[in-house]
Amino acid sequence: MDWVNAGRLEYFGKRRNEIHKQFDEAYGEGNWRIMWRWGKEGKLIIHYLSACRIYEDAYFIDSFKREEIWHELSANAKNIFDYDESDIESGLDYLIQKGPATHIQDIAIRNVFFRRGQEFEGKELIQIRSHSSYWGQMLSPGRVPFHLPEMIIQPHQPGWWENNSVECWYQDAKVLQIKKQ
């Protein structure tokens, strides 16, 4: 079955389930999917887990560029979450998404710790989300620089994230595909 790009997608946030329902109604269940464009011209189309690996790689590289922040997180956190404390149940698995919004940054950070052979040693459950909090300012995907800015699809879409951040890449690359009839 062939798939056709139906266009770039906007940020879903907590509206993810509502938007997915709208796609089901418009195209039929199983007749649409969300993919990501990759490459300098975005000609390669990749699945969610590949997008998550690229997203995670940005955090991995950041963990070497700003080691002091990552050591501080390790010393203070017993674990981390994005939207809800139940996000911890995802562990290292990007496919476990129980809340109303997709959360990737907490899983990416846990995977970076795993890849580096490090652990959380602190006592706090830390939320990595809001730019108004210290940890959100340090490790929100809207603030962490994307490691391959030349791969970000142009033009940038407006949003709460900074240009050339991990979230900028993730949102700018996201496309809707529908089954070709």
N, C-alpha and C. Protein backbone atom coordinates (compact mmCIF):
# COMPACT_ATOMS: atom_id res chain seq x y z
N MET A 1 0.85 -1.19 0.00
CA MET A 1 0.00 0.00 0.00
C MET A 1 0.89 1.24 0.00
N ASP A 2 0.60 2.16 -0.87
CA ASP A 2 1.35 3.41 -0.95
C ASP A 2 0.74 4.45 -0.02
N TRP A 3 1.60 5.31 0.47
CA TRP A 3 1.18 6.40 1.34
C TRP A 3 1.52 7.72 0.66
N VAL A 4 0.70 8.72 0.91
CA VAL A 4 0.89 10.05 0.33
C VAL A 4 0.98 11.06 1.47
N ASN A 5 1.94 11.98 1.34
CA ASN A 5 2.05 13.05 2.34
C ASN A 5 0.86 13.98 2.18
N ALA A 6 0.19 14.24 3.30
CA ALA A 6 -0.97 15.14 3.29
C ALA A 6 -0.63 16.49 3.91
N GLY A 7 0.62 16.66 4.32
CA GLY A 7 1.04 17.96 4.83
C GLY A 7 1.67 17.89 6.21
N ARG A 8 2.29 19.00 6.57
CA ARG A 8 2.91 19.13 7.88
C ARG A 8 1.83 19.20 8.95
N LEU A 9 2.19 18.80 10.12
CA LEU A 9 1.24 18.81 11.24
C LEU A 9 1.64 19.85 12.27
N GLU A 10 0.65 20.36 12.95
CA GLU A 10 0.88 21.31 14.03
C GLU A 10 1.15 20.55 15.33
N TYR A 11 1.53 21.27 16.33
CA TYR A 11 1.75 20.73 17.67
C TYR A 11 0.43 20.22 18.25
N PHE A 12 0.43 19.01 18.79
CA PHE A 12 -0.79 18.41 19.34
C PHE A 12 -0.96 18.69 20.83
N GLY A 13 0.13 18.54 21.60
CA GLY A 13 0.05 18.69 23.05
C GLY A 13 -0.98 17.75 23.65
N LYS A 14 -1.80 18.29 24.53
CA LYS A 14 -2.82 17.48 25.22
C LYS A 14 -4.00 17.13 24.31
N ARG A 15 -4.00 17.64 23.10
CA ARG A 15 -5.09 17.37 22.15
C ARG A 15 -4.80 16.15 21.28
N ARG A 16 -3.74 15.41 21.57
CA ARG A 16 -3.32 14.28 20.74
C ARG A 16 -4.48 13.32 20.45
N ASN A 17 -5.15 12.83 21.48
CA ASN A 17 -6.21 11.84 21.28
C ASN A 17 -7.37 12.41 20.47
N GLU A 18 -7.71 13.66 20.72
CA GLU A 18 -8.77 14.34 19.97
C GLU A 18 -8.41 14.45 18.48
N ILE A 19 -7.17 14.82 18.20
CA ILE A 19 -6.72 14.96 16.81
C ILE A 19 -6.67 13.60 16.13
N HIS A 20 -6.21 12.58 16.83
CA HIS A 20 -6.20 11.23 16.25
C HIS A 20 -7.62 10.78 15.90
N LYS A 21 -8.58 11.10 16.76
CA LYS A 21 -9.98 10.76 16.50
C LYS A 21 -10.47 11.48 15.24
N GLN A 22 -10.08 12.75 15.08
CA GLN A 22 -10.47 13.51 13.89
C GLN A 22 -9.90 12.86 12.62
N PHE A 23 -8.66 12.38 12.70
CA PHE A 23 -8.05 11.70 11.55
C PHE A 23 -8.79 10.40 11.24
N ASP A 24 -9.19 9.66 12.29
CA ASP A 24 -9.97 8.43 12.09
C ASP A 24 -11.27 8.75 11.35
N GLU A 25 -11.95 9.82 11.77
CA GLU A 25 -13.21 10.21 11.15
C GLU A 25 -13.02 10.68 9.71
N ALA A 26 -11.94 11.40 9.47
CA ALA A 26 -11.71 11.96 8.13
C ALA A 26 -11.20 10.92 7.13
N TYR A 27 -10.30 10.03 7.58
CA TYR A 27 -9.63 9.11 6.65
C TYR A 27 -9.96 7.64 6.89
N GLY A 28 -10.54 7.34 8.04
CA GLY A 28 -10.82 5.95 8.40
C GLY A 28 -9.68 5.39 9.24
N GLU A 29 -10.04 4.58 10.21
CA GLU A 29 -9.04 3.97 11.08
C GLU A 29 -8.06 3.14 10.25
N GLY A 30 -6.77 3.33 10.52
CA GLY A 30 -5.74 2.59 9.80
C GLY A 30 -5.39 3.16 8.44
N ASN A 31 -6.05 4.24 8.04
CA ASN A 31 -5.79 4.84 6.73
C ASN A 31 -4.94 6.10 6.81
N TRP A 32 -4.41 6.39 7.96
CA TRP A 32 -3.54 7.55 8.15
C TRP A 32 -2.43 7.17 9.11
N ARG A 33 -1.34 7.91 9.06
CA ARG A 33 -0.25 7.71 10.01
C ARG A 33 0.56 9.00 10.12
N ILE A 34 1.26 9.12 11.23
CA ILE A 34 2.14 10.26 11.46
C ILE A 34 3.57 9.78 11.26
N MET A 35 4.30 10.50 10.44
CA MET A 35 5.68 10.15 10.10
C MET A 35 6.54 11.41 10.25
N TRP A 36 7.85 11.25 10.06
CA TRP A 36 8.77 12.38 10.16
C TRP A 36 9.66 12.41 8.93
N ARG A 37 9.90 13.62 8.45
CA ARG A 37 10.79 13.82 7.31
C ARG A 37 12.22 13.91 7.83
N TRP A 38 13.15 13.34 7.09
CA TRP A 38 14.54 13.35 7.52
C TRP A 38 15.44 13.62 6.33
N GLY A 39 16.57 14.22 6.59
CA GLY A 39 17.52 14.57 5.55
C GLY A 39 17.48 16.06 5.29
N LYS A 40 18.51 16.56 4.66
CA LYS A 40 18.61 18.00 4.44
C LYS A 40 17.42 18.56 3.67
N GLU A 41 16.82 17.75 2.83
CA GLU A 41 15.64 18.20 2.08
C GLU A 41 14.38 17.48 2.53
N GLY A 42 14.51 16.64 3.55
CA GLY A 42 13.35 15.96 4.10
C GLY A 42 12.71 14.93 3.19
N LYS A 43 13.49 14.33 2.31
CA LYS A 43 12.92 13.38 1.35
C LYS A 43 12.73 11.99 1.94
N LEU A 44 13.50 11.65 2.95
CA LEU A 44 13.37 10.35 3.60
C LEU A 44 12.26 10.44 4.65
N ILE A 45 11.38 9.47 4.65
CA ILE A 45 10.28 9.44 5.62
C ILE A 45 10.58 8.34 6.64
N ILE A 46 10.54 8.71 7.92
CA ILE A 46 10.87 7.75 8.97
C ILE A 46 9.71 7.58 9.95
N HIS A 47 9.68 6.44 10.61
CA HIS A 47 8.66 6.11 11.61
C HIS A 47 8.99 6.74 12.96
N TYR A 48 8.01 6.69 13.84
CA TYR A 48 8.08 7.25 15.19
C TYR A 48 9.33 6.80 15.96
N LEU A 49 9.61 5.50 16.00
CA LEU A 49 10.76 5.04 16.79
C LEU A 49 12.08 5.55 16.23
N SER A 50 12.19 5.69 14.93
CA SER A 50 13.40 6.28 14.34
C SER A 50 13.51 7.75 14.72
N ALA A 51 12.37 8.44 14.71
CA ALA A 51 12.36 9.85 15.13
C ALA A 51 12.78 9.96 16.60
N CYS A 52 12.30 9.03 17.42
CA CYS A 52 12.68 9.04 18.84
C CYS A 52 14.17 8.82 19.03
N ARG A 53 14.77 7.96 18.22
CA ARG A 53 16.22 7.72 18.33
C ARG A 53 17.01 8.99 17.97
N ILE A 54 16.57 9.69 16.95
CA ILE A 54 17.24 10.93 16.55
C ILE A 54 17.07 11.97 17.67
N TYR A 55 15.88 12.07 18.20
CA TYR A 55 15.55 12.97 19.32
C TYR A 55 16.46 12.64 20.50
N GLU A 56 16.56 11.36 20.82
CA GLU A 56 17.41 10.91 21.93
C GLU A 56 18.88 11.23 21.68
N ASP A 57 19.33 11.09 20.44
CA ASP A 57 20.72 11.40 20.12
C ASP A 57 21.06 12.85 20.44
N ALA A 58 20.11 13.75 20.25
CA ALA A 58 20.35 15.16 20.59
C ALA A 58 20.60 15.30 22.09
N TYR A 59 19.80 14.60 22.89
CA TYR A 59 20.00 14.62 24.34
C TYR A 59 21.33 13.96 24.71
N PHE A 60 21.68 12.86 24.03
CA PHE A 60 22.93 12.16 24.30
C PHE A 60 24.12 13.10 24.07
N ILE A 61 24.13 13.79 22.96
CA ILE A 61 25.22 14.73 22.66
C ILE A 61 25.21 15.87 23.66
N ASP A 62 24.02 16.36 24.03
CA ASP A 62 23.92 17.42 25.03
C ASP A 62 24.52 16.97 26.37
N SER A 63 24.38 15.68 26.69
CA SER A 63 24.89 15.17 27.97
C SER A 63 26.41 15.27 28.06
N PHE A 64 27.09 15.34 26.93
CA PHE A 64 28.54 15.53 26.92
C PHE A 64 28.90 17.01 26.88
N LYS A 65 28.09 17.80 26.18
CA LYS A 65 28.38 19.23 26.06
C LYS A 65 28.09 19.98 27.35
N ARG A 66 27.11 19.50 28.13
CA ARG A 66 26.74 20.17 29.38
C ARG A 66 26.74 19.16 30.52
N GLU A 67 27.86 18.49 30.69
CA GLU A 67 27.97 17.41 31.68
C GLU A 67 27.60 17.86 33.09
N GLU A 68 27.91 19.10 33.44
CA GLU A 68 27.60 19.56 34.80
C GLU A 68 26.11 19.53 35.09
N ILE A 69 25.28 19.89 34.10
CA ILE A 69 23.82 19.85 34.27
C ILE A 69 23.37 18.40 34.46
N TRP A 70 23.89 17.51 33.66
CA TRP A 70 23.51 16.10 33.72
C TRP A 70 23.96 15.46 35.04
N HIS A 71 25.14 15.83 35.52
CA HIS A 71 25.60 15.32 36.82
C HIS A 71 24.71 15.85 37.94
N GLU A 72 24.32 17.11 37.83
CA GLU A 72 23.42 17.70 38.82
C GLU A 72 22.07 16.99 38.81
N LEU A 73 21.56 16.68 37.62
CA LEU A 73 20.30 15.94 37.54
C LEU A 73 20.44 14.57 38.19
N SER A 74 21.51 13.88 37.88
CA SER A 74 21.75 12.56 38.47
C SER A 74 21.80 12.62 39.99
N ALA A 75 22.44 13.64 40.51
CA ALA A 75 22.59 13.77 41.97
C ALA A 75 21.28 14.11 42.66
N ASN A 76 20.37 14.79 41.97
CA ASN A 76 19.13 15.26 42.60
C ASN A 76 17.90 14.40 42.31
N ALA A 77 17.86 13.73 41.18
CA ALA A 77 16.65 13.02 40.76
C ALA A 77 16.68 11.55 41.15
N LYS A 78 15.53 11.08 41.62
CA LYS A 78 15.36 9.63 41.76
C LYS A 78 14.73 9.08 40.48
N ASN A 79 14.03 9.97 39.76
CA ASN A 79 13.49 9.69 38.43
C ASN A 79 12.92 10.99 37.89
N ILE A 80 12.48 10.96 36.63
CA ILE A 80 11.98 12.16 35.97
C ILE A 80 10.68 11.84 35.24
N PHE A 81 9.89 12.88 34.98
CA PHE A 81 8.67 12.72 34.21
C PHE A 81 8.42 14.00 33.43
N ASP A 82 7.49 13.90 32.48
CA ASP A 82 7.11 15.07 31.67
C ASP A 82 5.80 15.64 32.18
N TYR A 83 4.71 15.03 31.79
CA TYR A 83 3.38 15.57 32.07
C TYR A 83 2.82 15.10 33.41
N ASP A 84 2.96 13.82 33.68
CA ASP A 84 2.36 13.22 34.87
C ASP A 84 3.35 12.22 35.47
N GLU A 85 3.30 12.05 36.76
CA GLU A 85 4.22 11.12 37.42
C GLU A 85 4.11 9.71 36.87
N SER A 86 2.96 9.35 36.33
CA SER A 86 2.79 8.02 35.74
C SER A 86 3.66 7.84 34.49
N ASP A 87 4.21 8.93 33.95
CA ASP A 87 5.12 8.83 32.79
C ASP A 87 6.31 7.92 33.10
N ILE A 88 6.65 7.81 34.37
CA ILE A 88 7.78 6.97 34.78
C ILE A 88 7.57 5.53 34.36
N GLU A 89 6.31 5.11 34.27
CA GLU A 89 6.00 3.73 33.89
C GLU A 89 6.49 3.40 32.49
N SER A 90 6.78 4.39 31.68
CA SER A 90 7.30 4.15 30.33
C SER A 90 8.72 3.60 30.38
N GLY A 91 9.43 3.88 31.46
CA GLY A 91 10.81 3.40 31.55
C GLY A 91 11.63 3.89 30.37
N LEU A 92 12.17 2.94 29.60
CA LEU A 92 13.00 3.26 28.43
C LEU A 92 12.24 3.08 27.12
N ASP A 93 10.93 2.84 27.19
CA ASP A 93 10.13 2.46 26.04
C ASP A 93 9.26 3.61 25.52
N TYR A 94 9.60 4.11 24.34
CA TYR A 94 8.86 5.23 23.73
C TYR A 94 7.42 4.87 23.36
N LEU A 95 7.13 3.60 23.24
CA LEU A 95 5.79 3.18 22.84
C LEU A 95 4.79 3.19 23.99
N ILE A 96 5.26 3.26 25.22
CA ILE A 96 4.35 3.32 26.36
C ILE A 96 3.98 4.77 26.61
N GLN A 97 2.79 5.13 26.17
CA GLN A 97 2.29 6.50 26.23
C GLN A 97 0.88 6.47 26.82
N LYS A 98 0.76 6.61 28.13
CA LYS A 98 -0.53 6.48 28.79
C LYS A 98 -1.28 7.80 28.96
N GLY A 99 -0.58 8.90 29.00
CA GLY A 99 -1.20 10.19 29.26
C GLY A 99 -1.83 10.81 28.02
N PRO A 100 -2.38 12.01 28.18
CA PRO A 100 -3.05 12.69 27.07
C PRO A 100 -2.08 13.32 26.07
N ALA A 101 -0.82 13.46 26.45
CA ALA A 101 0.18 14.07 25.57
C ALA A 101 1.36 13.11 25.41
N THR A 102 1.93 13.08 24.22
CA THR A 102 3.10 12.26 23.98
C THR A 102 4.26 12.84 24.77
N HIS A 103 4.95 11.99 25.51
CA HIS A 103 6.12 12.44 26.26
C HIS A 103 7.32 11.64 25.80
N ILE A 104 8.31 12.36 25.33
CA ILE A 104 9.51 11.72 24.80
C ILE A 104 10.74 12.13 25.60
N GLN A 105 10.81 13.40 26.05
CA GLN A 105 12.03 13.88 26.68
C GLN A 105 12.41 13.09 27.92
N ASP A 106 11.43 12.70 28.74
CA ASP A 106 11.77 11.95 29.94
C ASP A 106 12.33 10.58 29.58
N ILE A 107 11.76 9.95 28.57
CA ILE A 107 12.25 8.64 28.13
C ILE A 107 13.64 8.79 27.51
N ALA A 108 13.82 9.84 26.70
CA ALA A 108 15.13 10.09 26.10
C ALA A 108 16.20 10.29 27.18
N ILE A 109 15.88 11.04 28.20
CA ILE A 109 16.85 11.29 29.28
C ILE A 109 17.17 9.99 30.01
N ARG A 110 16.16 9.18 30.31
CA ARG A 110 16.44 7.89 30.96
C ARG A 110 17.31 7.02 30.07
N ASN A 111 17.06 7.04 28.76
CA ASN A 111 17.88 6.27 27.82
C ASN A 111 19.31 6.79 27.76
N VAL A 112 19.50 8.10 27.85
CA VAL A 112 20.85 8.66 27.87
C VAL A 112 21.59 8.16 29.10
N PHE A 113 20.95 8.19 30.25
CA PHE A 113 21.58 7.67 31.46
C PHE A 113 21.96 6.20 31.26
N PHE A 114 21.06 5.42 30.69
CA PHE A 114 21.33 4.01 30.42
C PHE A 114 22.52 3.85 29.48
N ARG A 115 22.53 4.59 28.38
CA ARG A 115 23.61 4.50 27.40
C ARG A 115 24.96 4.88 27.99
N ARG A 116 24.94 5.80 28.94
CA ARG A 116 26.19 6.26 29.56
C ARG A 116 26.55 5.45 30.81
N GLY A 117 25.74 4.47 31.15
CA GLY A 117 26.01 3.65 32.33
C GLY A 117 25.85 4.41 33.62
N GLN A 118 24.96 5.41 33.63
CA GLN A 118 24.75 6.24 34.81
C GLN A 118 23.36 5.97 35.38
N GLU A 119 23.16 6.40 36.61
CA GLU A 119 21.88 6.20 37.28
C GLU A 119 21.45 7.47 37.97
N PHE A 120 20.15 7.53 38.27
CA PHE A 120 19.64 8.60 39.13
C PHE A 120 20.01 8.23 40.56
N GLU A 121 20.59 9.18 41.27
CA GLU A 121 21.06 8.91 42.63
C GLU A 121 20.38 9.78 43.68
N GLY A 122 19.49 10.66 43.24
CA GLY A 122 18.86 11.62 44.15
C GLY A 122 17.60 11.11 44.81
N LYS A 123 16.90 12.05 45.42
CA LYS A 123 15.70 11.72 46.18
C LYS A 123 14.44 12.38 45.64
N GLU A 124 14.57 13.24 44.62
CA GLU A 124 13.44 14.00 44.10
C GLU A 124 12.88 13.37 42.83
N LEU A 125 11.57 13.44 42.68
CA LEU A 125 10.92 13.12 41.43
C LEU A 125 10.83 14.45 40.68
N ILE A 126 11.54 14.56 39.57
CA ILE A 126 11.70 15.84 38.89
C ILE A 126 10.93 15.88 37.57
N GLN A 127 10.19 16.97 37.39
CA GLN A 127 9.45 17.20 36.16
C GLN A 127 10.33 17.98 35.18
N ILE A 128 10.47 17.43 33.97
CA ILE A 128 11.23 18.09 32.90
C ILE A 128 10.21 18.60 31.90
N ARG A 129 9.70 19.79 32.13
CA ARG A 129 8.64 20.29 31.25
C ARG A 129 8.66 21.80 31.12
N SER A 130 8.11 22.47 32.09
CA SER A 130 7.85 23.90 32.01
C SER A 130 9.14 24.72 32.00
N HIS A 131 9.17 25.69 31.11
CA HIS A 131 10.32 26.59 31.06
C HIS A 131 10.39 27.50 32.28
N SER A 132 9.33 27.51 33.08
CA SER A 132 9.35 28.33 34.29
C SER A 132 10.04 27.62 35.45
N SER A 133 10.34 26.32 35.29
CA SER A 133 11.07 25.59 36.33
C SER A 133 12.54 25.46 35.93
N TYR A 134 13.38 25.27 36.90
CA TYR A 134 14.82 25.14 36.64
C TYR A 134 15.10 24.00 35.66
N TRP A 135 14.55 22.80 35.92
CA TRP A 135 14.85 21.66 35.06
C TRP A 135 14.22 21.80 33.69
N GLY A 136 13.09 22.45 33.60
CA GLY A 136 12.51 22.73 32.30
C GLY A 136 13.38 23.69 31.50
N GLN A 137 13.94 24.68 32.18
CA GLN A 137 14.85 25.61 31.51
C GLN A 137 16.10 24.89 31.00
N MET A 138 16.56 23.91 31.76
CA MET A 138 17.80 23.22 31.42
C MET A 138 17.60 22.11 30.37
N LEU A 139 16.51 21.33 30.51
CA LEU A 139 16.41 20.11 29.71
C LEU A 139 15.10 19.92 28.94
N SER A 140 14.28 20.95 28.87
CA SER A 140 13.08 20.86 28.04
C SER A 140 13.52 20.68 26.58
N PRO A 141 12.78 19.89 25.81
CA PRO A 141 13.14 19.73 24.40
C PRO A 141 13.05 21.04 23.61
N GLY A 142 12.34 22.00 24.15
CA GLY A 142 12.27 23.31 23.51
C GLY A 142 13.50 24.16 23.74
N ARG A 143 14.37 23.70 24.63
CA ARG A 143 15.61 24.42 24.94
C ARG A 143 16.87 23.67 24.54
N VAL A 144 16.83 22.33 24.58
CA VAL A 144 18.02 21.54 24.24
C VAL A 144 18.29 21.68 22.74
N PRO A 145 19.50 22.09 22.38
CA PRO A 145 19.82 22.28 20.96
C PRO A 145 19.78 20.96 20.18
N PHE A 146 19.25 21.03 18.96
CA PHE A 146 19.27 19.86 18.09
C PHE A 146 20.67 19.72 17.53
N HIS A 147 21.22 18.53 17.55
CA HIS A 147 22.61 18.28 17.19
C HIS A 147 22.91 18.40 15.70
N LEU A 148 21.89 18.37 14.86
CA LEU A 148 22.08 18.50 13.40
C LEU A 148 21.11 19.56 12.87
N PRO A 149 21.33 20.83 13.20
CA PRO A 149 20.37 21.87 12.82
C PRO A 149 20.15 21.98 11.31
N GLU A 150 21.12 21.57 10.52
CA GLU A 150 20.96 21.62 9.06
C GLU A 150 19.92 20.63 8.56
N MET A 151 19.51 19.69 9.42
CA MET A 151 18.52 18.68 9.05
C MET A 151 17.09 19.11 9.40
N ILE A 152 16.93 20.27 10.00
CA ILE A 152 15.60 20.74 10.37
C ILE A 152 14.90 21.30 9.15
N ILE A 153 13.69 20.81 8.91
CA ILE A 153 12.90 21.24 7.76
C ILE A 153 12.55 22.72 7.90
N GLN A 154 12.69 23.45 6.82
CA GLN A 154 12.37 24.87 6.80
C GLN A 154 11.07 25.09 6.03
N PRO A 155 10.33 26.11 6.24
CA PRO A 155 10.52 27.09 7.31
C PRO A 155 10.06 26.52 8.65
N HIS A 156 10.58 27.12 9.73
CA HIS A 156 10.18 26.69 11.07
C HIS A 156 8.71 27.02 11.31
N GLN A 157 8.06 26.11 12.02
CA GLN A 157 6.68 26.37 12.45
C GLN A 157 6.75 27.14 13.77
N PRO A 158 5.82 28.05 14.00
CA PRO A 158 5.83 28.77 15.28
C PRO A 158 5.39 27.84 16.40
N GLY A 159 5.92 28.07 17.58
CA GLY A 159 5.54 27.26 18.74
C GLY A 159 6.23 27.75 19.99
N TRP A 160 6.05 27.02 21.06
CA TRP A 160 6.62 27.38 22.36
C TRP A 160 8.12 27.08 22.43
N TRP A 161 8.66 26.37 21.47
CA TRP A 161 10.05 25.94 21.46
C TRP A 161 10.95 26.97 20.78
N GLU A 162 12.23 26.89 21.10
CA GLU A 162 13.24 27.75 20.46
C GLU A 162 13.61 27.15 19.11
N ASN A 163 13.98 28.02 18.16
CA ASN A 163 14.46 27.54 16.87
C ASN A 163 15.72 26.69 17.08
N ASN A 164 15.83 25.65 16.26
CA ASN A 164 16.97 24.73 16.27
C ASN A 164 17.08 23.89 17.54
N SER A 165 15.98 23.77 18.26
CA SER A 165 15.94 22.89 19.43
C SER A 165 15.46 21.50 19.01
N VAL A 166 15.53 20.56 19.93
CA VAL A 166 15.04 19.21 19.68
C VAL A 166 13.56 19.26 19.29
N GLU A 167 12.77 20.01 20.03
CA GLU A 167 11.34 20.11 19.74
C GLU A 167 11.08 20.77 18.39
N CYS A 168 11.90 21.74 18.04
CA CYS A 168 11.79 22.39 16.73
C CYS A 168 11.94 21.35 15.63
N TRP A 169 12.98 20.51 15.73
CA TRP A 169 13.15 19.45 14.73
C TRP A 169 11.95 18.51 14.70
N TYR A 170 11.54 18.03 15.86
CA TYR A 170 10.46 17.05 15.96
C TYR A 170 9.16 17.58 15.35
N GLN A 171 8.83 18.83 15.66
CA GLN A 171 7.58 19.41 15.15
C GLN A 171 7.69 19.78 13.67
N ASP A 172 8.84 20.33 13.25
CA ASP A 172 8.98 20.74 11.86
C ASP A 172 9.04 19.55 10.90
N ALA A 173 9.48 18.40 11.38
CA ALA A 173 9.60 17.21 10.53
C ALA A 173 8.33 16.38 10.46
N LYS A 174 7.39 16.60 11.37
CA LYS A 174 6.18 15.77 11.50
C LYS A 174 5.21 16.00 10.34
N VAL A 175 4.80 14.90 9.69
CA VAL A 175 3.84 14.97 8.59
C VAL A 175 2.75 13.92 8.75
N LEU A 176 1.62 14.23 8.17
CA LEU A 176 0.51 13.29 8.10
C LEU A 176 0.59 12.59 6.75
N GLN A 177 0.45 11.27 6.79
CA GLN A 177 0.36 10.51 5.55
C GLN A 177 -0.99 9.78 5.53
N ILE A 178 -1.56 9.70 4.35
CA ILE A 178 -2.80 8.95 4.18
C ILE A 178 -2.59 7.89 3.11
N LYS A 179 -3.35 6.80 3.24
CA LYS A 179 -3.25 5.72 2.26
C LYS A 179 -3.72 6.20 0.90
N LYS A 180 -2.95 5.88 -0.10
CA LYS A 180 -3.32 6.24 -1.48
C LYS A 180 -4.40 5.27 -1.94
N GLN A 181 -5.47 5.81 -2.42
CA GLN A 181 -6.61 4.98 -2.87
C GLN A 181 -6.45 4.57 -4.30
